Structures are given as C-alpha cells and as structure tokens.
C-alpha atoms as a PDB file:
ATOM      1  CA  MET A   1      25.516 -91.514 -51.955  1.00  0.00           C
ATOM      2  CA  GLU A   2      24.312 -91.260 -48.504  1.00  0.00           C
ATOM      3  CA  THR A   3      27.367 -89.354 -47.526  1.00  0.00           C
ATOM      4  CA  ILE A   4      26.732 -86.919 -50.363  1.00  0.00           C
ATOM      5  CA  ALA A   5      23.100 -86.562 -49.382  1.00  0.00           C
ATOM      6  CA  LEU A   6      24.149 -86.062 -45.814  1.00  0.00           C
ATOM      7  CA  GLU A   7      26.714 -83.499 -46.949  1.00  0.00           C
ATOM      8  CA  LYS A   8      24.070 -81.780 -49.083  1.00  0.00           C
ATOM      9  CA  ALA A   9      21.656 -81.696 -46.131  1.00  0.00           C
ATOM     10  CA  LYS A  10      24.426 -80.454 -43.867  1.00  0.00           C
ATOM     11  CA  VAL A  11      25.336 -77.723 -46.376  1.00  0.00           C
ATOM     12  CA  ALA A  12      21.640 -76.849 -46.824  1.00  0.00           C
ATOM     13  CA  VAL A  13      21.121 -76.622 -43.057  1.00  0.00           C
ATOM     14  CA  GLU A  14      24.291 -74.547 -42.648  1.00  0.00           C
ATOM     15  CA  THR A  15      23.177 -72.318 -45.530  1.00  0.00           C
ATOM     16  CA  ASP A  16      19.733 -71.968 -43.987  1.00  0.00           C
ATOM     17  CA  GLN A  17      21.375 -71.151 -40.662  1.00  0.00           C
ATOM     18  CA  GLN A  18      23.638 -68.621 -42.354  1.00  0.00           C
ATOM     19  CA  VAL A  19      20.644 -67.069 -44.179  1.00  0.00           C
ATOM     20  CA  ALA A  20      18.607 -67.069 -40.941  1.00  0.00           C
ATOM     21  CA  LEU A  21      21.544 -65.462 -39.098  1.00  0.00           C
ATOM     22  CA  VAL A  22      21.925 -62.795 -41.790  1.00  0.00           C
ATOM     23  CA  LYS A  23      18.155 -62.151 -41.761  1.00  0.00           C
ATOM     24  CA  ALA A  24      18.181 -61.975 -37.933  1.00  0.00           C
ATOM     25  CA  GLN A  25      21.098 -59.516 -38.051  1.00  0.00           C
ATOM     26  CA  GLU A  26      19.279 -57.541 -40.728  1.00  0.00           C
ATOM     27  CA  ASN A  27      16.097 -57.455 -38.631  1.00  0.00           C
ATOM     28  CA  GLN A  28      18.138 -56.500 -35.585  1.00  0.00           C
ATOM     29  CA  SER A  29      19.892 -53.696 -37.525  1.00  0.00           C
ATOM     30  CA  ILE A  30      16.513 -52.434 -38.816  1.00  0.00           C
ATOM     31  CA  LYS A  31      15.100 -52.459 -35.279  1.00  0.00           C
ATOM     32  CA  VAL A  32      18.194 -50.605 -33.948  1.00  0.00           C
ATOM     33  CA  ILE A  33      17.892 -48.007 -36.752  1.00  0.00           C
ATOM     34  CA  LYS A  34      14.154 -47.609 -36.062  1.00  0.00           C
ATOM     35  CA  ALA A  35      14.847 -47.298 -32.305  1.00  0.00           C
ATOM     36  CA  GLU A  36      17.539 -44.672 -32.911  1.00  0.00           C
ATOM     37  CA  GLY A  37      15.220 -42.770 -35.231  1.00  0.00           C
ATOM     38  CA  LEU A  38      12.402 -42.982 -32.682  1.00  0.00           C
ATOM     39  CA  LYS A  39      14.836 -41.901 -29.955  1.00  0.00           C
ATOM     40  CA  ALA A  40      15.950 -38.871 -32.001  1.00  0.00           C
ATOM     41  CA  GLN A  41      12.335 -37.992 -32.776  1.00  0.00           C
ATOM     42  CA  ILE A  42      11.351 -38.243 -29.076  1.00  0.00           C
ATOM     43  CA  GLU A  43      14.402 -36.162 -28.083  1.00  0.00           C
ATOM     44  CA  GLN A  44      13.332 -33.456 -30.547  1.00  0.00           C
ATOM     45  CA  ILE A  45       9.753 -33.516 -29.272  1.00  0.00           C
ATOM     46  CA  SER A  46      10.980 -33.400 -25.645  1.00  0.00           C
ATOM     47  CA  LYS A  47      13.331 -30.533 -26.434  1.00  0.00           C
ATOM     48  CA  LYS A  48      10.516 -28.651 -28.171  1.00  0.00           C
ATOM     49  CA  ASN A  49       8.149 -29.271 -25.226  1.00  0.00           C
ATOM     50  CA  ALA A  50      10.802 -28.154 -22.734  1.00  0.00           C
ATOM     51  CA  GLU A  51      11.419 -24.946 -24.706  1.00  0.00           C
ATOM     52  CA  GLN A  52       7.672 -24.304 -24.876  1.00  0.00           C
ATOM     53  CA  ILE A  53       7.261 -24.867 -21.116  1.00  0.00           C
ATOM     54  CA  LEU A  54      10.234 -22.596 -20.426  1.00  0.00           C
ATOM     55  CA  ALA A  55       8.816 -19.896 -22.715  1.00  0.00           C
ATOM     56  CA  GLU A  56       5.430 -20.131 -20.973  1.00  0.00           C
ATOM     57  CA  ALA A  57       7.107 -19.879 -17.561  1.00  0.00           C
ATOM     58  CA  ARG A  58       9.056 -16.799 -18.656  1.00  0.00           C
ATOM     59  CA  ALA A  59       5.914 -15.189 -20.076  1.00  0.00           C
ATOM     60  CA  TYR A  60       4.015 -15.929 -16.843  1.00  0.00           C
ATOM     61  CA  SER A  61       6.893 -14.546 -14.775  1.00  0.00           C
ATOM     62  CA  GLU A  62       7.076 -11.366 -16.858  1.00  0.00           C
ATOM     63  CA  ALA A  63       3.293 -10.916 -16.654  1.00  0.00           C
ATOM     64  CA  LYS A  64       3.361 -11.312 -12.871  1.00  0.00           C
ATOM     65  CA  MET A  65       6.283  -8.881 -12.590  1.00  0.00           C
ATOM     66  CA  ALA A  66       4.403  -6.325 -14.692  1.00  0.00           C
ATOM     67  CA  GLU A  67       1.283  -6.855 -12.578  1.00  0.00           C
ATOM     68  CA  THR A  68       3.277  -6.499  -9.355  1.00  0.00           C
ATOM     69  CA  ASN A  69       5.030  -3.358 -10.589  1.00  0.00           C
ATOM     70  CA  ALA A  70       1.680  -1.844 -11.596  1.00  0.00           C
ATOM     71  CA  ALA A  71       0.233  -2.651  -8.163  1.00  0.00           C
ATOM     72  CA  LYS A  72       3.328  -1.160  -6.510  1.00  0.00           C
ATOM     73  CA  GLU A  73       3.012   2.058  -8.506  1.00  0.00           C
ATOM     74  CA  SER A  74      -0.704   2.220  -7.731  1.00  0.00           C
ATOM     75  CA  LEU A  75      -0.001   1.858  -4.016  1.00  0.00           C
ATOM     76  CA  LYS A  76       2.683   4.553  -4.212  1.00  0.00           C
ATOM     77  CA  ILE A  77       0.267   6.948  -5.921  1.00  0.00           C
ATOM     78  CA  LYS A  78      -2.493   6.180  -3.395  1.00  0.00           C
ATOM     79  CA  ALA A  79      -0.088   6.660  -0.483  1.00  0.00           C
ATOM     80  CA  THR A  80       1.154   9.952  -1.931  1.00  0.00           C
ATOM     81  CA  ASN A  81      -2.426  11.142  -2.417  1.00  0.00           C
ATOM     82  CA  ARG A  82      -3.346  10.160   1.153  1.00  0.00           C
ATOM     83  CA  LEU A  83      -0.256  11.965   2.453  1.00  0.00           C
ATOM     84  CA  GLU A  84      -1.108  15.119   0.495  1.00  0.00           C
ATOM     85  CA  ALA A  85      -4.723  14.937   1.688  1.00  0.00           C
ATOM     86  CA  ALA A  86      -3.558  14.527   5.289  1.00  0.00           C
ATOM     87  CA  GLN A  87      -1.166  17.470   4.926  1.00  0.00           C
ATOM     88  CA  LEU A  88      -3.923  19.649   3.457  1.00  0.00           C
ATOM     89  CA  LYS A  89      -6.295  18.551   6.202  1.00  0.00           C
ATOM     90  CA  GLY A  90      -3.620  19.334   8.788  1.00  0.00           C
ATOM     91  CA  GLN A  91      -3.125  22.789   7.288  1.00  0.00           C
ATOM     92  CA  GLY A  92      -6.882  23.317   7.423  1.00  0.00           C
ATOM     93  CA  VAL A  93      -7.002  22.237  11.063  1.00  0.00           C
ATOM     94  CA  LEU A  94      -4.097  24.574  11.873  1.00  0.00           C
ATOM     95  CA  ALA A  95      -5.826  27.471  10.123  1.00  0.00           C
ATOM     96  CA  GLU A  96      -9.039  26.698  12.005  1.00  0.00           C
ATOM     97  CA  ALA A  97      -7.128  26.518  15.292  1.00  0.00           C
ATOM     98  CA  GLU A  98      -5.458  29.867  14.594  1.00  0.00           C
ATOM     99  CA  ALA A  99      -8.826  31.407  13.791  1.00  0.00           C
ATOM    100  CA  GLU A 100     -10.285  29.967  17.004  1.00  0.00           C
ATOM    101  CA  ASN A 101      -7.279  31.274  18.934  1.00  0.00           C
ATOM    102  CA  LEU A 102      -7.838  34.759  17.531  1.00  0.00           C
ATOM    103  CA  GLN A 103     -11.520  34.488  18.327  1.00  0.00           C
ATOM    104  CA  ALA A 104     -10.696  33.275  21.839  1.00  0.00           C
ATOM    105  CA  GLN A 105      -8.559  36.372  22.379  1.00  0.00           C
ATOM    106  CA  ASN A 106     -11.466  38.527  21.258  1.00  0.00           C
ATOM    107  CA  LEU A 107     -13.831  36.591  23.505  1.00  0.00           C
ATOM    108  CA  ASP A 108     -11.413  36.924  26.409  1.00  0.00           C
ATOM    109  CA  ALA A 109     -11.739  40.694  26.305  1.00  0.00           C
ATOM    110  CA  LYS A 110     -15.522  40.401  26.095  1.00  0.00           C
ATOM    111  CA  ARG A 111     -15.602  37.945  28.993  1.00  0.00           C
ATOM    112  CA  LYS A 112     -13.440  40.240  31.147  1.00  0.00           C
ATOM    113  CA  PHE A 113     -15.695  43.155  30.295  1.00  0.00           C
ATOM    114  CA  GLU A 114     -18.808  41.181  31.219  1.00  0.00           C
ATOM    115  CA  GLN A 115     -17.204  40.078  34.499  1.00  0.00           C
ATOM    116  CA  ARG A 116     -16.383  43.674  35.387  1.00  0.00           C
ATOM    117  CA  MET A 117     -19.905  44.743  34.523  1.00  0.00           C
ATOM    118  CA  LYS A 118     -21.374  42.042  36.775  1.00  0.00           C
ATOM    119  CA  MET A 119     -19.044  43.041  39.589  1.00  0.00           C
ATOM    120  CA  ALA A 120     -20.006  46.678  39.104  1.00  0.00           C
ATOM    121  CA  GLU A 121     -23.693  45.772  39.165  1.00  0.00           C
ATOM    122  CA  GLY A 122     -23.139  43.757  42.356  1.00  0.00           C
ATOM    123  CA  LEU A 123     -21.308  46.625  44.031  1.00  0.00           C
ATOM    124  CA  GLN A 124     -23.930  49.077  42.815  1.00  0.00           C
ATOM    125  CA  SER A 125     -26.761  47.018  44.319  1.00  0.00           C
ATOM    126  CA  MET A 126     -24.757  46.662  47.546  1.00  0.00           C
ATOM    127  CA  ILE A 127     -24.215  50.439  47.684  1.00  0.00           C
ATOM    128  CA  LYS A 128     -27.948  51.087  47.156  1.00  0.00           C
ATOM    129  CA  THR A 129     -28.916  48.866  50.046  1.00  0.00           C
ATOM    130  CA  ASN A 130     -26.018  49.620  52.446  1.00  0.00           C
ATOM    131  CA  LYS A 131     -24.052  52.663  53.346  1.00  0.00           C
ATOM    132  CA  ILE A 132     -20.348  52.234  52.679  1.00  0.00           C
ATOM    133  CA  ILE A 133     -17.541  54.477  53.788  1.00  0.00           C
ATOM    134  CA  LEU A 134     -14.551  54.392  51.485  1.00  0.00           C
ATOM    135  CA  ALA A 135     -11.212  55.221  52.971  1.00  0.00           C
ATOM    136  CA  GLY A 136      -7.598  54.226  52.719  1.00  0.00           C
ATOM    137  CA  GLU A 137      -5.894  52.122  50.130  1.00  0.00           C
ATOM    138  CA  ASN A 138      -8.839  49.719  49.680  1.00  0.00           C
ATOM    139  CA  GLY A 139     -11.172  52.626  49.095  1.00  0.00           C
ATOM    140  CA  GLU A 140      -8.822  54.044  46.494  1.00  0.00           C
ATOM    141  CA  GLN A 141      -8.718  50.658  44.730  1.00  0.00           C
ATOM    142  CA  LEU A 142     -12.507  50.397  44.708  1.00  0.00           C
ATOM    143  CA  LEU A 143     -12.905  53.890  43.318  1.00  0.00           C
ATOM    144  CA  GLY A 144     -10.222  53.139  40.681  1.00  0.00           C
ATOM    145  CA  PHE A 145     -12.160  50.014  39.691  1.00  0.00           C
ATOM    146  CA  PHE A 146     -15.363  52.022  39.266  1.00  0.00           C
ATOM    147  CA  LYS A 147     -13.550  54.650  37.247  1.00  0.00           C
ATOM    148  CA  GLU A 148     -12.014  52.027  34.878  1.00  0.00           C
ATOM    149  CA  THR A 149     -15.336  50.249  34.526  1.00  0.00           C
ATOM    150  CA  THR A 150     -17.144  53.504  33.756  1.00  0.00           C
ATOM    151  CA  GLU A 151     -14.555  54.301  31.098  1.00  0.00           C
ATOM    152  CA  LEU A 152     -14.964  50.813  29.544  1.00  0.00           C
ATOM    153  CA  VAL A 153     -18.738  51.194  29.515  1.00  0.00           C
ATOM    154  CA  ASN A 154     -18.452  54.618  27.876  1.00  0.00           C
ATOM    155  CA  LEU A 155     -16.015  53.246  25.256  1.00  0.00           C
ATOM    156  CA  ASN A 156     -18.330  50.326  24.536  1.00  0.00           C
ATOM    157  CA  GLN A 157     -21.340  52.618  24.121  1.00  0.00           C
ATOM    158  CA  ASN A 158     -19.431  54.889  21.735  1.00  0.00           C
ATOM    159  CA  GLU A 159     -18.525  51.949  19.468  1.00  0.00           C
END
C-alpha cells in the first residue's frame, strides 16, 4: 500500500510539475506575445514620430528657403533702385557740370573784357599823368590794343 501511495504521490507531484511547466510555458508565451505586441506598437509610434519630425524639418526648411529667396529678391530690387538712383544722380551731375562749363566759357569772355578794361584804364591814367611817345613795333601794338579795346567797349555799349 505504501508503494501505491508513494506511486500516487509521485504521479501527483509529476502531474503538478507537468501542469506547472505547462502554465509556466503558457505564461511565458503570453509574455512573449505581449512583448511582441508592445514592440510593434512602439515601432509604429516611433515611425509616426519620425515621420512627423521629418515633415516638420521639411516644412521649416521650405519656410527658410522661401524667406531667404524673398530677402534675396528684396536686396536685388534695393540694389537695382540704388543703381538707378546713382545713375540718375550722375546724369544730373554731368548736366550741371556741362552747364557750369558753358557758364565758365561765358564768364571767361567777361573776365577777359574786364581785364582789358582795367589795363586800358591803367594806361589811360598813365597817359594823363605822363607824356608818352609811341613809335616802332611796340607803339603799333599799343595802338592796336587801344583800338581793339575801344571796339569791344562800343560793342558792349550797343548790346
């Protein structure tokens, strides 16, 4: 009887061990399935986050490119406007210089006339105070000068 009881106990323990082993394998399989499911879920979330980050980076890049292109175009327009303004200013300065050059030519004639008049006045005052004898080539030149100056004065008075 004892052998039977011992056999029964042995069979019961082996059965319990078998049941415990099956339950442990079941629990292990459930944990592996849960881990694989969790892994797949995390992979999906990671993939979604990576795609979102990539999309944000592309959007930021495109926005910066658009901003940079707009700034570039703005600088081009400003530079073109400054160039045109400088060219117009240069044309204005050239026109002013040409006008001053023409005026300078007119003033040159006036200045020469005034110089001749002063010289004539100086010679006239010298003649009034001193007696001068005009002869030779120098005398001819002096008389020619007075004749030209008298003609210029007469022309100026007629205008």
